[in-house]
């Protein structure tokens, strides 16, 4: 997770700049890059690299770890709940996955929130931390206290929870359907199949998770862009009043690119590491 997000850091910074600076809103990715480099220098493209690398190291470990650890526990609880209440639908495997995704999304939000707040501030205010991102974090803490680093927690959860649920659950669901379809048509499940199916499903999951989490991502950017005490709902009302629903999807083209790369690679690695550990490939009942 850390490596993927660090590699795509510049794309994330472009999207954030579009969200917090109206002068960049209508520019394409190439035009935006050229303008930023011309006005502020090429090093600006790496503005949020430090917080991104450290933050997503914690976020990725917690998100995937909690999701997998909770699966058997949640499945047992839902089976008990279904039997106790006589509501058989409670024991649905995918309902369990949704719950696991929600819990892991909240846990990941808690890990990532301070570093993402710092990254957004560094991108929105390029002169904020001339001495480096660690100094910027200390400066932010000194000026605003812990509240400044955590004021975007609600916005972070509105991004991370739907993002995690959509990414993980859609990947589980799509791979299950794809493998079942392949087996029904008589295709052998080879090493090539175990790459092709997860790859295509990961691409689809990346698109779905990008769309579902975009409104939360927009709110997260505007909440953390500058110092202040405005609440998430205040920003949401302003965006709705000014631009309507489309206002929450500013920067989504740049985000499709970087989230598409990140999620696809993440899910492929996630599936590969599971198999290395002796766990069944995602979507298969057995390895």
Protein backbone atom coordinates (compact mmCIF):
# COMPACT_ATOMS: atom_id res chain seq x y z
CA UNK A 1 0.00 0.00 0.00
CA UNK A 2 2.78 2.41 0.98
CA UNK A 3 4.83 1.70 -2.16
CA UNK A 4 1.81 1.98 -4.46
CA UNK A 5 0.60 5.29 -3.03
CA UNK A 6 4.14 6.72 -2.95
CA UNK A 7 4.65 5.81 -6.62
CA UNK A 8 1.40 7.58 -7.55
CA UNK A 9 1.91 10.49 -5.14
CA UNK A 10 2.06 13.17 -7.84
CA UNK A 11 -1.30 12.13 -9.31
CA UNK A 12 -2.85 12.37 -5.86
CA UNK A 13 -1.34 15.82 -5.36
CA UNK A 14 -2.70 17.00 -8.73
CA UNK A 15 -6.19 15.88 -7.77
CA UNK A 16 -5.94 17.60 -4.39
CA UNK A 17 -4.77 20.83 -6.02
CA UNK A 18 -7.80 20.75 -8.34
CA UNK A 19 -10.11 20.25 -5.38
CA UNK A 20 -8.77 23.10 -3.24
CA UNK A 21 -7.81 25.66 -5.90
CA UNK A 22 -10.54 26.72 -8.33
CA UNK A 23 -7.97 28.04 -10.85
CA UNK A 24 -6.89 24.44 -11.52
CA UNK A 25 -10.37 22.88 -11.55
CA UNK A 26 -10.92 22.71 -15.32
CA UNK A 27 -7.37 21.87 -16.37
CA UNK A 28 -6.43 18.47 -17.77
CA UNK A 29 -3.69 16.37 -16.19
CA UNK A 30 -0.94 17.40 -18.65
CA UNK A 31 -1.82 21.12 -18.56
CA UNK A 32 -2.04 21.01 -14.78
CA UNK A 33 1.38 19.35 -14.49
CA UNK A 34 3.04 21.85 -16.79
CA UNK A 35 1.52 24.82 -14.93
CA UNK A 36 2.56 23.55 -11.50
CA UNK A 37 6.12 22.82 -12.65
CA UNK A 38 6.37 26.22 -14.33
CA UNK A 39 4.99 28.19 -11.38
CA UNK A 40 6.47 26.29 -8.45
CA UNK A 41 9.24 24.03 -9.70
CA UNK A 42 9.45 20.29 -10.25
CA UNK A 43 10.03 19.48 -6.57
CA UNK A 44 6.44 20.53 -5.89
CA UNK A 45 5.37 17.28 -7.51
CA UNK A 46 6.77 15.48 -4.45
CA UNK A 47 5.14 17.77 -1.87
CA UNK A 48 3.13 15.08 -0.08
CA UNK A 49 5.50 12.14 -0.53
CA UNK A 50 6.66 11.84 3.10
CA UNK A 51 3.23 11.76 4.77
CA UNK A 52 1.93 9.53 1.97
CA UNK A 53 4.65 6.92 2.42
CA UNK A 54 4.40 6.78 6.21
CA UNK A 55 0.63 7.13 6.42
CA UNK A 56 -0.22 4.46 3.89
CA UNK A 57 2.32 2.08 5.43
CA UNK A 58 0.13 2.06 8.55
CA UNK A 59 -3.15 2.26 6.63
CA UNK A 60 -2.43 -0.70 4.36
CA UNK A 61 -1.24 -2.96 7.17
CA UNK A 62 -4.29 -2.20 9.30
CA UNK A 63 -6.85 -2.29 6.48
CA UNK A 64 -5.97 -5.65 4.94
CA UNK A 65 -4.97 -7.17 8.29
CA UNK A 66 -8.21 -6.27 10.06
CA UNK A 67 -10.31 -7.32 7.05
CA UNK A 68 -8.82 -10.83 6.91
CA UNK A 69 -8.65 -11.36 10.70
CA UNK A 70 -12.31 -10.38 11.14
CA UNK A 71 -13.68 -12.65 8.40
CA UNK A 72 -13.94 -15.89 10.44
CA UNK A 73 -15.04 -14.10 13.63
CA UNK A 74 -17.77 -12.15 11.83
CA UNK A 75 -18.90 -15.28 9.98
CA UNK A 76 -19.31 -17.14 13.28
CA UNK A 77 -21.18 -14.24 14.86
CA UNK A 78 -23.56 -13.89 11.90
CA UNK A 79 -24.24 -17.65 11.90
CA UNK A 80 -25.13 -17.43 15.59
CA UNK A 81 -27.27 -14.32 14.99
CA UNK A 82 -29.08 -16.00 12.10
CA UNK A 83 -29.85 -19.07 14.19
CA UNK A 84 -30.92 -17.03 17.23
CA UNK A 85 -33.19 -14.73 15.26
CA UNK A 86 -34.36 -17.23 12.62
CA UNK A 87 -33.33 -14.70 9.95
CA UNK A 88 -31.24 -16.83 7.61
CA UNK A 89 -30.13 -13.89 5.47
CA UNK A 90 -27.99 -12.63 8.36
CA UNK A 91 -25.51 -15.41 7.67
CA UNK A 92 -24.82 -14.12 4.14
CA UNK A 93 -21.12 -14.33 3.32
CA UNK A 94 -21.14 -10.97 1.56
CA UNK A 95 -22.97 -9.26 4.40
CA UNK A 96 -20.11 -10.45 6.58
CA UNK A 97 -17.60 -9.06 4.09
CA UNK A 98 -19.37 -5.69 4.16
CA UNK A 99 -19.13 -5.58 7.95
CA UNK A 100 -15.46 -6.54 7.85
CA UNK A 101 -14.85 -3.85 5.25
CA UNK A 102 -16.62 -1.23 7.37
CA UNK A 103 -14.63 -2.09 10.49
CA UNK A 104 -11.33 -2.16 8.62
CA UNK A 105 -12.19 1.14 6.92
CA UNK A 106 -12.74 2.82 10.28
CA UNK A 107 -9.49 1.38 11.65
CA UNK A 108 -7.59 2.51 8.55
CA UNK A 109 -9.11 6.00 8.85
CA UNK A 110 -7.79 6.33 12.39
CA UNK A 111 -4.28 5.37 11.26
CA UNK A 112 -4.22 7.58 8.18
CA UNK A 113 -6.06 10.74 9.26
CA UNK A 114 -3.11 12.77 10.69
CA UNK A 115 -0.77 12.00 7.79
CA UNK A 116 -3.41 12.74 5.16
CA UNK A 117 -4.24 16.04 6.89
CA UNK A 118 -0.55 16.96 6.69
CA UNK A 119 -0.23 15.85 3.05
CA UNK A 120 -3.19 17.96 1.97
CA UNK A 121 -1.87 21.01 3.83
CA UNK A 122 1.55 20.65 2.17
CA UNK A 123 -0.08 20.45 -1.26
CA UNK A 124 -2.59 23.27 -0.66
CA UNK A 125 0.04 25.58 0.86
CA UNK A 126 3.39 24.85 -0.86
CA UNK A 127 5.24 27.31 1.42
CA UNK A 128 3.84 25.79 4.61
CA UNK A 129 6.83 23.56 5.38
CA UNK A 130 10.05 24.72 3.75
CA UNK A 131 12.13 22.56 6.13
CA UNK A 132 10.44 19.28 5.26
CA UNK A 133 7.29 17.34 6.05
CA UNK A 134 8.30 16.37 9.59
CA UNK A 135 8.81 20.05 10.43
CA UNK A 136 5.47 20.75 8.75
CA UNK A 137 3.75 18.20 10.96
CA UNK A 138 5.28 19.71 14.11
CA UNK A 139 4.30 23.19 12.93
CA UNK A 140 0.73 22.07 12.29
CA UNK A 141 0.55 20.46 15.72
CA UNK A 142 2.00 23.57 17.41
CA UNK A 143 -0.41 25.94 15.65
CA UNK A 144 -3.58 23.86 15.74
CA UNK A 145 -2.99 21.11 18.30
CA UNK A 146 -4.10 17.53 17.81
CA UNK A 147 -7.47 18.87 16.66
CA UNK A 148 -5.86 20.18 13.47
CA UNK A 149 -4.56 16.72 12.59
CA UNK A 150 -7.83 14.97 13.39
CA UNK A 151 -10.48 17.48 12.30
CA UNK A 152 -10.96 15.56 9.05
CA UNK A 153 -11.78 12.24 10.75
CA UNK A 154 -15.44 12.31 9.72
CA UNK A 155 -14.47 13.19 6.16
CA UNK A 156 -11.79 10.49 6.24
CA UNK A 157 -14.33 7.86 7.25
CA UNK A 158 -16.75 9.07 4.55
CA UNK A 159 -13.94 8.31 2.10
CA UNK A 160 -12.26 5.24 3.60
CA UNK A 161 -15.30 3.20 4.66
CA UNK A 162 -17.05 3.12 1.24
CA UNK A 163 -13.63 2.82 -0.43
CA UNK A 164 -12.65 -0.22 1.64
CA UNK A 165 -16.03 -1.91 1.43
CA UNK A 166 -16.30 -1.42 -2.33
CA UNK A 167 -12.70 -2.40 -3.06
CA UNK A 168 -12.52 -5.52 -0.92
CA UNK A 169 -16.07 -6.82 -1.23
CA UNK A 170 -16.38 -6.22 -4.97
CA UNK A 171 -13.04 -7.99 -5.49
CA UNK A 172 -14.23 -10.96 -3.41
CA UNK A 173 -17.56 -11.06 -5.25
CA UNK A 174 -16.21 -10.57 -8.79
CA UNK A 175 -13.46 -13.17 -8.42
CA UNK A 176 -15.96 -15.68 -7.01
CA UNK A 177 -18.30 -15.15 -9.97
CA UNK A 178 -15.44 -15.21 -12.48
CA UNK A 179 -13.91 -18.45 -11.16
CA UNK A 180 -17.33 -20.13 -10.96
CA UNK A 181 -18.09 -19.09 -14.53
CA UNK A 182 -14.71 -20.35 -15.78
CA UNK A 183 -15.20 -23.71 -14.05
CA UNK A 184 -18.76 -24.06 -15.39
CA UNK A 185 -17.46 -23.53 -18.93
CA UNK A 186 -14.82 -26.19 -18.42
CA UNK A 187 -11.73 -23.99 -18.16
CA UNK A 188 -8.87 -25.33 -16.07
CA UNK A 189 -7.78 -23.12 -13.18
CA UNK A 190 -4.11 -22.67 -14.09
CA UNK A 191 -1.47 -20.21 -12.90
CA UNK A 192 -2.37 -18.01 -15.86
CA UNK A 193 -6.05 -18.09 -14.88
CA UNK A 194 -5.12 -17.14 -11.31
CA UNK A 195 -3.46 -14.03 -12.70
CA UNK A 196 -5.96 -13.06 -15.40
CA UNK A 197 -9.10 -13.30 -13.26
CA UNK A 198 -7.74 -11.33 -10.27
CA UNK A 199 -6.27 -8.72 -12.63
CA UNK A 200 -9.54 -8.03 -14.45
CA UNK A 201 -11.54 -8.09 -11.22
CA UNK A 202 -9.03 -5.75 -9.56
CA UNK A 203 -9.39 -3.24 -12.41
CA UNK A 204 -13.19 -3.33 -12.04
CA UNK A 205 -12.90 -2.98 -8.24
CA UNK A 206 -10.61 0.04 -8.66
CA UNK A 207 -13.21 1.87 -10.75
CA UNK A 208 -16.05 1.09 -8.33
CA UNK A 209 -14.05 2.05 -5.24
CA UNK A 210 -12.92 5.31 -6.85
CA UNK A 211 -16.51 6.35 -7.59
CA UNK A 212 -17.90 5.33 -4.19
CA UNK A 213 -15.21 7.20 -2.22
CA UNK A 214 -14.87 10.33 -4.38
CA UNK A 215 -17.34 12.54 -2.42
CA UNK A 216 -15.51 11.72 0.82
CA UNK A 217 -12.17 12.42 -0.83
CA UNK A 218 -13.39 15.85 -1.96
CA UNK A 219 -14.57 16.68 1.56
CA UNK A 220 -11.29 15.48 3.05
CA UNK A 221 -9.31 17.81 0.79
CA UNK A 222 -11.31 20.97 1.51
CA UNK A 223 -11.50 20.29 5.25
CA UNK A 224 -7.72 19.92 5.62
CA UNK A 225 -6.55 22.43 2.99
CA UNK A 226 -6.29 25.38 5.39
CA UNK A 227 -6.38 26.19 9.07
CA UNK A 228 -9.86 26.77 10.50
CA UNK A 229 -12.74 25.36 12.53
CA UNK A 230 -15.37 24.77 9.85
CA UNK A 231 -17.06 21.40 10.11
CA UNK A 232 -17.40 18.73 7.44
CA UNK A 233 -21.12 19.37 7.04
CA UNK A 234 -20.44 23.08 6.46
CA UNK A 235 -18.13 22.27 3.57
CA UNK A 236 -20.64 19.75 2.21
CA UNK A 237 -23.38 22.41 2.22
CA UNK A 238 -21.10 24.91 0.46
CA UNK A 239 -20.15 22.43 -2.27
CA UNK A 240 -23.79 21.41 -2.81
CA UNK A 241 -24.96 25.02 -2.96
CA UNK A 242 -22.22 26.10 -5.36
CA UNK A 243 -21.88 23.17 -7.75
CA UNK A 244 -24.48 20.59 -6.82
CA UNK A 245 -23.63 16.88 -6.88
CA UNK A 246 -20.91 17.35 -9.51
CA UNK A 247 -18.99 19.48 -7.04
CA UNK A 248 -18.12 16.34 -5.10
CA UNK A 249 -16.51 14.80 -8.18
CA UNK A 250 -13.91 17.48 -8.92
CA UNK A 251 -10.59 15.80 -9.70
CA UNK A 252 -12.05 12.38 -10.38
CA UNK A 253 -10.26 11.99 -13.72
CA UNK A 254 -6.86 12.30 -12.07
CA UNK A 255 -8.09 10.05 -9.27
CA UNK A 256 -9.26 7.36 -11.72
CA UNK A 257 -5.66 7.14 -12.90
CA UNK A 258 -3.89 6.95 -9.57
CA UNK A 259 -6.56 4.92 -7.74
CA UNK A 260 -6.81 2.58 -10.73
CA UNK A 261 -3.09 1.82 -10.59
CA UNK A 262 -2.94 1.63 -6.80
CA UNK A 263 -5.98 -0.61 -6.24
CA UNK A 264 -5.17 -2.96 -9.11
CA UNK A 265 -1.61 -3.55 -7.89
CA UNK A 266 -2.72 -3.73 -4.23
CA UNK A 267 -5.34 -6.39 -4.89
CA UNK A 268 -3.02 -8.46 -7.07
CA UNK A 269 -0.37 -8.41 -4.32
CA UNK A 270 -3.02 -9.12 -1.69
CA UNK A 271 -4.20 -12.20 -3.60
CA UNK A 272 -0.62 -13.36 -4.31
CA UNK A 273 0.50 -13.02 -0.68
CA UNK A 274 -2.58 -14.89 0.52
CA UNK A 275 -1.66 -17.81 -1.72
CA UNK A 276 1.96 -17.67 -0.57
CA UNK A 277 0.68 -18.05 3.00
CA UNK A 278 -1.35 -21.10 2.05
CA UNK A 279 -4.70 -19.27 1.98
CA UNK A 280 -7.05 -19.97 -0.92
CA UNK A 281 -6.93 -17.55 -3.84
CA UNK A 282 -9.59 -14.86 -3.50
CA UNK A 283 -12.82 -16.23 -4.97
CA UNK A 284 -11.83 -19.90 -4.81
CA UNK A 285 -13.01 -22.32 -2.16
CA UNK A 286 -9.58 -23.97 -2.15
CA UNK A 287 -6.12 -23.01 -3.37
